[in-house]
Each structure stands twice: as structure tokens, then as C-alpha cells.
Amino acid sequence: PDLAVGLIFQDHQRPRVQRLPGWLDAVMLDYHAGDAAYIRRARAAGLQISLRNVDSVAQLHHAVDIGAARAVTNRPELLGRAC
């Protein structure tokens, strides 16, 4: 019961928030599929949104600005210095 459950979407897909099951805790989207309005709707539904392919410092700042709970990168050597 304490294990968070997430769903990963491929490519630039993103699910309609109202169609996601109530037991889901997090959704991982491609960086380009996330925007502030979508993240606000997801948070209102009790979901955390993670963005993957956040591969520049500018993208990292943007992910934080729009409310992403997590950022996953292919460039940890670059973004690690920015944190």
C-alpha cells in the first residue's frame, strides 16, 4: 500500500487526466508532451507528473517552472552541475 504506482507514456503522447485510474500516483511523459495546464490538471487529480528527456539546463528550469515533480535526463553530467 505504500508503493507508488506510475505509468510511462512513450513518444509525445499524454493521457487525458480524467481517464487515468484513481489508484495511479504518477505519470511520466516526454518533456515535449508536458505543459503547465496539463500538470495543473494532473496535480488537481492527485497525480505527480515526471518529465523525461530533460537534457538541457533551460529545459530543466522550464520543467520546474511548469510544475513537474521530477525530471529525468540523458545528460546527468550536464544537469548535475546546474543543480
Protein backbone atom coordinates (compact mmCIF):
# COMPACT_ATOMS: atom_id res chain seq x y z
CA PRO A 1 0.00 0.00 0.00
CA ASP A 2 2.96 2.37 0.39
CA LEU A 3 4.36 1.69 -3.07
CA ALA A 4 3.73 4.45 -5.58
CA VAL A 5 2.48 3.31 -8.98
CA GLY A 6 3.39 5.15 -12.15
CA LEU A 7 2.59 4.99 -15.83
CA ILE A 8 5.11 5.79 -18.58
CA PHE A 9 3.92 7.18 -21.90
CA GLN A 10 6.07 6.89 -24.99
CA ASP A 11 6.82 9.43 -27.68
CA HIS A 12 4.91 12.68 -27.27
CA GLN A 13 1.72 11.03 -26.03
CA ARG A 14 -0.12 12.09 -22.92
CA PRO A 15 -3.28 10.61 -21.48
CA ARG A 16 -6.42 12.51 -20.67
CA VAL A 17 -6.24 13.08 -16.92
CA GLN A 18 -9.88 12.17 -16.33
CA ARG A 19 -9.34 8.76 -17.97
CA LEU A 20 -6.49 7.71 -15.69
CA PRO A 21 -7.30 5.20 -12.93
CA GLY A 22 -7.71 6.55 -9.41
CA TRP A 23 -5.01 4.23 -7.99
CA LEU A 24 -2.30 5.80 -10.15
CA ASP A 25 0.21 8.07 -8.38
CA ALA A 26 2.46 9.37 -11.15
CA VAL A 27 2.71 9.73 -14.90
CA MET A 28 5.95 10.07 -16.86
CA LEU A 29 5.78 12.00 -20.10
CA ASP A 30 8.26 13.13 -22.68
CA TYR A 31 9.44 16.67 -22.00
CA HIS A 32 7.62 17.98 -25.08
CA ALA A 33 4.28 16.45 -24.00
CA GLY A 34 4.10 18.36 -20.72
CA ASP A 35 2.78 21.86 -20.24
CA ALA A 36 1.69 23.92 -17.25
CA ALA A 37 -2.06 23.49 -17.82
CA TYR A 38 -1.78 19.71 -18.11
CA ILE A 39 0.38 19.49 -14.99
CA ARG A 40 -2.10 21.65 -13.04
CA ARG A 41 -4.98 19.34 -14.04
CA ALA A 42 -2.95 16.27 -13.10
CA ARG A 43 -1.97 17.72 -9.72
CA ALA A 44 -5.61 18.60 -9.01
CA ALA A 45 -6.40 14.92 -9.64
CA GLY A 46 -3.70 13.88 -7.17
CA LEU A 47 -1.07 12.87 -9.73
CA GLN A 48 2.58 13.75 -9.99
CA ILE A 49 4.00 14.41 -13.43
CA SER A 50 7.56 13.43 -14.28
CA LEU A 51 9.17 14.67 -17.48
CA ARG A 52 11.82 12.63 -19.27
CA ASN A 53 14.36 13.71 -21.88
CA VAL A 54 15.08 16.91 -19.97
CA ASP A 55 18.51 17.31 -21.49
CA SER A 56 19.48 20.96 -21.13
CA VAL A 57 19.66 23.42 -18.27
CA ALA A 58 16.99 25.54 -19.97
CA GLN A 59 14.68 22.52 -20.19
CA LEU A 60 15.33 21.74 -16.52
CA HIS A 61 14.36 25.28 -15.49
CA HIS A 62 11.27 25.09 -17.69
CA ALA A 63 10.25 21.73 -16.18
CA VAL A 64 10.49 23.25 -12.70
CA ASP A 65 8.60 26.38 -13.78
CA ILE A 66 5.65 24.40 -15.15
CA GLY A 67 5.41 22.26 -12.01
CA ALA A 68 6.95 18.90 -12.93
CA ALA A 69 7.56 16.73 -9.87
CA ARG A 70 10.63 15.06 -11.41
CA ALA A 71 12.96 15.43 -14.35
CA VAL A 72 14.73 12.50 -15.96
CA THR A 73 17.71 13.24 -18.16
CA ASN A 74 20.07 11.60 -20.61
CA ARG A 75 22.67 14.22 -19.65
CA PRO A 76 23.31 13.86 -15.89
CA GLU A 77 26.84 15.23 -16.24
CA LEU A 78 25.42 18.50 -17.57
CA LEU A 79 22.37 18.91 -15.35
CA GLY A 80 24.10 17.72 -12.19
CA ARG A 81 26.27 20.82 -12.27
CA ALA A 82 23.19 23.04 -12.67
CA CYS A 83 21.57 21.71 -9.51
